[in-house]
Amino acid sequence: MAHERTPFDSIEGSLEYIGLLREAIETAKISVAHESERANEEAASRRLEALQLIAYKLDRLAWHVDGSRRLLNDLRMLKRLLLGERQLDATSKEASRDTAFVAVKGARPTSHAAR
C-alpha cells in the first residue's frame, strides 16, 4: 500500500495546517461572539453560559495552537540550520579538496637524481 501524503509529512506542511487551524479558531470565536450577543439580547442565560464556556475553550485551544506554531517554527529553523551546516561542510570540504589539488598540482616534482 502506497503512503498517502498528509499535511504532517514535513514541518512546513504541519505549520501550514496549524495556520489554517488557527484561522478556523478565529472564525469560530467571531461566530460565538455574535451568538453570545443574540443570547444576551434574548435573555437566554443557559445558552449564554454555554457560549461563554465555548469562547473560553476556543481561547485555550488558540493558546495551545499558538504554542504549537512557535515550536514548529523553532524546529523548522533548527532544521534549516542543520541543513545549512551540512551544505557549508560539504562546500568547505570541496573547497579544501580543490585547494589541496591546486597545491599538489602547482608543486614542482622532485626527482631522486636532483638530491
N, C-alpha and C. Protein backbone atom coordinates (compact mmCIF):
# COMPACT_ATOMS: atom_id res chain seq x y z
N MET A 1 0.84 -1.17 0.00
CA MET A 1 0.00 0.00 0.00
C MET A 1 0.89 1.24 0.00
N ALA A 2 0.62 2.16 -0.91
CA ALA A 2 1.43 3.37 -1.03
C ALA A 2 1.12 4.34 0.10
N HIS A 3 2.14 5.06 0.49
CA HIS A 3 1.99 6.06 1.56
C HIS A 3 1.28 7.28 1.00
N GLU A 4 0.16 7.64 1.60
CA GLU A 4 -0.58 8.83 1.17
C GLU A 4 0.04 10.06 1.83
N ARG A 5 0.10 11.13 1.07
CA ARG A 5 0.66 12.38 1.59
C ARG A 5 -0.33 13.00 2.58
N THR A 6 0.20 13.52 3.66
CA THR A 6 -0.60 14.21 4.67
C THR A 6 0.03 15.57 4.95
N PRO A 7 -0.70 16.46 5.61
CA PRO A 7 -0.11 17.75 5.95
C PRO A 7 1.05 17.62 6.94
N PHE A 8 1.21 16.45 7.54
CA PHE A 8 2.21 16.28 8.58
C PHE A 8 3.46 15.56 8.08
N ASP A 9 3.61 15.46 6.76
CA ASP A 9 4.80 14.81 6.21
C ASP A 9 6.06 15.66 6.38
N SER A 10 5.86 16.95 6.62
CA SER A 10 7.01 17.84 6.80
C SER A 10 6.66 18.89 7.85
N ILE A 11 7.68 19.52 8.37
CA ILE A 11 7.47 20.59 9.34
C ILE A 11 6.72 21.74 8.67
N GLU A 12 7.09 22.05 7.44
CA GLU A 12 6.44 23.14 6.72
C GLU A 12 4.96 22.85 6.49
N GLY A 13 4.64 21.61 6.14
CA GLY A 13 3.24 21.22 5.95
C GLY A 13 2.46 21.31 7.25
N SER A 14 3.09 20.90 8.34
CA SER A 14 2.44 21.00 9.65
C SER A 14 2.20 22.44 10.04
N LEU A 15 3.16 23.31 9.74
CA LEU A 15 3.00 24.74 10.02
C LEU A 15 1.82 25.32 9.23
N GLU A 16 1.71 24.91 7.99
CA GLU A 16 0.60 25.39 7.16
C GLU A 16 -0.73 24.91 7.75
N TYR A 17 -0.78 23.65 8.16
CA TYR A 17 -2.00 23.11 8.76
C TYR A 17 -2.36 23.86 10.04
N ILE A 18 -1.37 24.11 10.87
CA ILE A 18 -1.60 24.84 12.13
C ILE A 18 -2.11 26.25 11.83
N GLY A 19 -1.58 26.88 10.80
CA GLY A 19 -2.06 28.20 10.41
C GLY A 19 -3.53 28.17 10.00
N LEU A 20 -3.91 27.15 9.24
CA LEU A 20 -5.32 27.01 8.84
C LEU A 20 -6.21 26.74 10.04
N LEU A 21 -5.71 25.92 10.96
CA LEU A 21 -6.46 25.64 12.18
C LEU A 21 -6.66 26.91 12.99
N ARG A 22 -5.63 27.74 13.08
CA ARG A 22 -5.72 28.99 13.83
C ARG A 22 -6.76 29.92 13.20
N GLU A 23 -6.80 29.97 11.87
CA GLU A 23 -7.81 30.78 11.19
C GLU A 23 -9.22 30.27 11.49
N ALA A 24 -9.39 28.95 11.49
CA ALA A 24 -10.70 28.37 11.78
C ALA A 24 -11.12 28.68 13.21
N ILE A 25 -10.18 28.68 14.13
CA ILE A 25 -10.50 29.01 15.52
C ILE A 25 -10.96 30.46 15.61
N GLU A 26 -10.27 31.36 14.93
CA GLU A 26 -10.66 32.77 14.96
C GLU A 26 -12.05 32.97 14.36
N THR A 27 -12.36 32.26 13.29
CA THR A 27 -13.68 32.33 12.68
C THR A 27 -14.74 31.84 13.67
N ALA A 28 -14.44 30.75 14.36
CA ALA A 28 -15.38 30.20 15.34
C ALA A 28 -15.57 31.18 16.50
N LYS A 29 -14.49 31.82 16.93
CA LYS A 29 -14.61 32.79 18.04
C LYS A 29 -15.50 33.96 17.66
N ILE A 30 -15.40 34.44 16.43
CA ILE A 30 -16.25 35.53 15.97
C ILE A 30 -17.71 35.08 15.94
N SER A 31 -17.93 33.88 15.45
CA SER A 31 -19.29 33.34 15.40
C SER A 31 -19.88 33.20 16.80
N VAL A 32 -19.09 32.71 17.74
CA VAL A 32 -19.55 32.55 19.12
C VAL A 32 -19.85 33.91 19.75
N ALA A 33 -19.04 34.90 19.43
CA ALA A 33 -19.27 36.25 19.97
C ALA A 33 -20.62 36.80 19.47
N HIS A 34 -20.91 36.58 18.18
CA HIS A 34 -22.20 37.03 17.64
C HIS A 34 -23.36 36.28 18.29
N GLU A 35 -23.19 34.98 18.45
CA GLU A 35 -24.24 34.17 19.09
C GLU A 35 -24.44 34.59 20.55
N SER A 36 -23.35 34.95 21.21
CA SER A 36 -23.44 35.40 22.60
C SER A 36 -24.24 36.70 22.70
N GLU A 37 -24.02 37.59 21.75
CA GLU A 37 -24.79 38.84 21.73
C GLU A 37 -26.28 38.55 21.57
N ARG A 38 -26.60 37.63 20.65
CA ARG A 38 -28.00 37.27 20.44
C ARG A 38 -28.61 36.63 21.68
N ALA A 39 -27.86 35.73 22.31
CA ALA A 39 -28.36 35.06 23.52
C ALA A 39 -28.57 36.07 24.64
N ASN A 40 -27.68 37.06 24.74
CA ASN A 40 -27.81 38.09 25.76
C ASN A 40 -29.06 38.94 25.51
N GLU A 41 -29.30 39.30 24.24
CA GLU A 41 -30.48 40.08 23.89
C GLU A 41 -31.78 39.31 24.15
N GLU A 42 -31.73 37.99 23.94
CA GLU A 42 -32.91 37.15 24.14
C GLU A 42 -33.05 36.70 25.58
N ALA A 43 -32.14 37.10 26.44
CA ALA A 43 -32.13 36.72 27.85
C ALA A 43 -32.12 35.20 28.03
N ALA A 44 -31.37 34.53 27.16
CA ALA A 44 -31.22 33.08 27.24
C ALA A 44 -29.96 32.79 28.06
N SER A 45 -30.13 32.75 29.38
CA SER A 45 -28.97 32.68 30.28
C SER A 45 -28.20 31.36 30.14
N ARG A 46 -28.90 30.24 30.04
CA ARG A 46 -28.18 28.96 29.93
C ARG A 46 -27.42 28.88 28.61
N ARG A 47 -28.03 29.38 27.55
CA ARG A 47 -27.36 29.41 26.25
C ARG A 47 -26.16 30.34 26.31
N LEU A 48 -26.30 31.47 26.96
CA LEU A 48 -25.20 32.42 27.10
C LEU A 48 -24.05 31.80 27.89
N GLU A 49 -24.36 31.09 28.97
CA GLU A 49 -23.32 30.42 29.75
C GLU A 49 -22.59 29.38 28.91
N ALA A 50 -23.34 28.62 28.13
CA ALA A 50 -22.71 27.61 27.26
C ALA A 50 -21.80 28.28 26.23
N LEU A 51 -22.26 29.37 25.66
CA LEU A 51 -21.44 30.09 24.68
C LEU A 51 -20.21 30.70 25.32
N GLN A 52 -20.32 31.16 26.55
CA GLN A 52 -19.16 31.68 27.26
C GLN A 52 -18.14 30.58 27.52
N LEU A 53 -18.64 29.39 27.85
CA LEU A 53 -17.73 28.25 28.04
C LEU A 53 -17.05 27.89 26.72
N ILE A 54 -17.81 27.92 25.65
CA ILE A 54 -17.24 27.64 24.32
C ILE A 54 -16.16 28.68 23.99
N ALA A 55 -16.44 29.95 24.26
CA ALA A 55 -15.45 31.00 24.00
C ALA A 55 -14.18 30.76 24.81
N TYR A 56 -14.34 30.36 26.06
CA TYR A 56 -13.18 30.06 26.90
C TYR A 56 -12.36 28.91 26.32
N LYS A 57 -13.07 27.85 25.92
CA LYS A 57 -12.38 26.68 25.36
C LYS A 57 -11.68 27.03 24.05
N LEU A 58 -12.30 27.87 23.24
CA LEU A 58 -11.66 28.31 21.99
C LEU A 58 -10.42 29.14 22.28
N ASP A 59 -10.48 29.99 23.31
CA ASP A 59 -9.29 30.76 23.71
C ASP A 59 -8.16 29.84 24.13
N ARG A 60 -8.48 28.83 24.92
CA ARG A 60 -7.46 27.86 25.37
C ARG A 60 -6.88 27.11 24.17
N LEU A 61 -7.75 26.69 23.26
CA LEU A 61 -7.28 25.98 22.07
C LEU A 61 -6.37 26.88 21.24
N ALA A 62 -6.76 28.14 21.07
CA ALA A 62 -5.93 29.09 20.32
C ALA A 62 -4.56 29.24 20.98
N TRP A 63 -4.55 29.28 22.32
CA TRP A 63 -3.29 29.41 23.06
C TRP A 63 -2.38 28.21 22.77
N HIS A 64 -2.96 27.01 22.80
CA HIS A 64 -2.18 25.80 22.54
C HIS A 64 -1.71 25.73 21.09
N VAL A 65 -2.56 26.12 20.17
CA VAL A 65 -2.18 26.12 18.75
C VAL A 65 -1.06 27.12 18.51
N ASP A 66 -1.14 28.29 19.14
CA ASP A 66 -0.06 29.28 19.00
C ASP A 66 1.25 28.73 19.54
N GLY A 67 1.19 28.02 20.65
CA GLY A 67 2.40 27.39 21.20
C GLY A 67 2.95 26.34 20.26
N SER A 68 2.06 25.56 19.66
CA SER A 68 2.49 24.54 18.69
C SER A 68 3.14 25.19 17.48
N ARG A 69 2.56 26.30 17.03
CA ARG A 69 3.13 27.01 15.88
C ARG A 69 4.53 27.52 16.20
N ARG A 70 4.72 28.04 17.41
CA ARG A 70 6.06 28.51 17.81
C ARG A 70 7.06 27.34 17.85
N LEU A 71 6.63 26.22 18.41
CA LEU A 71 7.52 25.05 18.47
C LEU A 71 7.88 24.55 17.07
N LEU A 72 6.88 24.47 16.20
CA LEU A 72 7.16 24.03 14.83
C LEU A 72 8.08 25.01 14.10
N ASN A 73 7.89 26.29 14.34
CA ASN A 73 8.76 27.29 13.73
C ASN A 73 10.20 27.13 14.22
N ASP A 74 10.36 26.88 15.52
CA ASP A 74 11.70 26.63 16.07
C ASP A 74 12.33 25.40 15.43
N LEU A 75 11.54 24.35 15.29
CA LEU A 75 12.06 23.13 14.65
C LEU A 75 12.45 23.38 13.20
N ARG A 76 11.64 24.17 12.50
CA ARG A 76 11.96 24.49 11.11
C ARG A 76 13.27 25.26 11.02
N MET A 77 13.47 26.22 11.93
CA MET A 77 14.72 27.00 11.93
C MET A 77 15.92 26.09 12.24
N LEU A 78 15.76 25.20 13.22
CA LEU A 78 16.86 24.28 13.56
C LEU A 78 17.17 23.35 12.40
N LYS A 79 16.14 22.89 11.72
CA LYS A 79 16.33 22.03 10.55
C LYS A 79 17.11 22.78 9.48
N ARG A 80 16.74 24.02 9.24
CA ARG A 80 17.44 24.83 8.23
C ARG A 80 18.89 25.07 8.64
N LEU A 81 19.11 25.30 9.94
CA LEU A 81 20.49 25.49 10.41
C LEU A 81 21.31 24.23 10.19
N LEU A 82 20.75 23.09 10.54
CA LEU A 82 21.47 21.82 10.35
C LEU A 82 21.74 21.56 8.88
N LEU A 83 20.74 21.76 8.04
CA LEU A 83 20.94 21.54 6.62
C LEU A 83 21.93 22.54 6.05
N GLY A 84 21.89 23.78 6.54
CA GLY A 84 22.84 24.79 6.11
C GLY A 84 24.25 24.43 6.51
N GLU A 85 24.43 23.89 7.72
CA GLU A 85 25.75 23.47 8.18
C GLU A 85 26.26 22.32 7.33
N ARG A 86 25.39 21.39 7.00
CA ARG A 86 25.80 20.27 6.16
C ARG A 86 26.23 20.77 4.79
N GLN A 87 25.48 21.72 4.25
CA GLN A 87 25.84 22.28 2.95
C GLN A 87 27.15 23.04 3.05
N LEU A 88 27.33 23.80 4.16
CA LEU A 88 28.59 24.51 4.36
C LEU A 88 29.74 23.54 4.53
N ASP A 89 29.52 22.44 5.29
CA ASP A 89 30.56 21.43 5.47
C ASP A 89 30.94 20.82 4.13
N ALA A 90 29.93 20.48 3.33
CA ALA A 90 30.20 19.89 2.02
C ALA A 90 30.93 20.88 1.13
N THR A 91 30.55 22.14 1.18
CA THR A 91 31.20 23.17 0.38
C THR A 91 32.62 23.38 0.84
N SER A 92 32.84 23.43 2.17
CA SER A 92 34.20 23.66 2.67
C SER A 92 35.09 22.45 2.40
N LYS A 93 34.55 21.24 2.48
CA LYS A 93 35.34 20.05 2.15
C LYS A 93 35.73 20.06 0.69
N GLU A 94 34.77 20.44 -0.16
CA GLU A 94 35.04 20.51 -1.59
C GLU A 94 36.09 21.58 -1.86
N ALA A 95 35.99 22.71 -1.19
CA ALA A 95 36.96 23.80 -1.38
C ALA A 95 38.34 23.37 -0.90
N SER A 96 38.39 22.65 0.23
CA SER A 96 39.70 22.22 0.73
C SER A 96 40.30 21.17 -0.19
N ARG A 97 39.47 20.30 -0.78
CA ARG A 97 39.98 19.33 -1.75
C ARG A 97 40.53 20.04 -2.97
N ASP A 98 39.79 21.07 -3.43
CA ASP A 98 40.27 21.84 -4.59
C ASP A 98 41.57 22.54 -4.28
N THR A 99 41.69 23.11 -3.08
CA THR A 99 42.91 23.80 -2.66
C THR A 99 44.06 22.81 -2.58
N ALA A 100 43.80 21.63 -2.02
CA ALA A 100 44.85 20.61 -1.92
C ALA A 100 45.28 20.16 -3.31
N PHE A 101 44.34 20.01 -4.22
CA PHE A 101 44.66 19.59 -5.58
C PHE A 101 45.51 20.63 -6.27
N VAL A 102 45.14 21.92 -6.10
CA VAL A 102 45.91 23.00 -6.71
C VAL A 102 47.31 23.04 -6.11
N ALA A 103 47.41 22.85 -4.80
CA ALA A 103 48.72 22.88 -4.15
C ALA A 103 49.59 21.75 -4.65
N VAL A 104 49.01 20.56 -4.80
CA VAL A 104 49.79 19.42 -5.28
C VAL A 104 50.13 19.61 -6.74
N LYS A 105 49.20 20.09 -7.52
CA LYS A 105 49.41 20.28 -8.94
C LYS A 105 50.47 21.37 -9.19
N GLY A 106 50.46 22.40 -8.37
CA GLY A 106 51.39 23.50 -8.54
C GLY A 106 52.79 23.20 -8.01
N ALA A 107 52.94 22.18 -7.18
CA ALA A 107 54.24 21.85 -6.61
C ALA A 107 55.12 21.24 -7.68
N ARG A 108 56.42 21.57 -7.58
CA ARG A 108 57.36 21.01 -8.55
C ARG A 108 57.72 19.59 -8.14
N PRO A 109 57.69 18.71 -9.10
CA PRO A 109 58.06 17.34 -8.76
C PRO A 109 59.54 17.28 -8.41
N THR A 110 59.82 16.47 -7.42
CA THR A 110 61.20 16.29 -7.00
C THR A 110 61.71 14.99 -7.62
N SER A 111 62.91 15.05 -8.13
CA SER A 111 63.48 13.84 -8.73
C SER A 111 64.56 13.33 -7.78
N HIS A 112 64.69 12.08 -7.77
CA HIS A 112 65.70 11.48 -6.91
C HIS A 112 67.11 11.84 -7.40
N ALA A 113 67.22 12.14 -8.65
CA ALA A 113 68.53 12.48 -9.20
C ALA A 113 69.00 13.84 -8.72
N ALA A 114 68.06 14.76 -8.44
CA ALA A 114 68.45 16.10 -8.02
C ALA A 114 68.95 16.12 -6.60
N ARG A 115 68.72 15.13 -5.83
CA ARG A 115 69.18 15.11 -4.45
C ARG A 115 70.60 14.90 -4.34
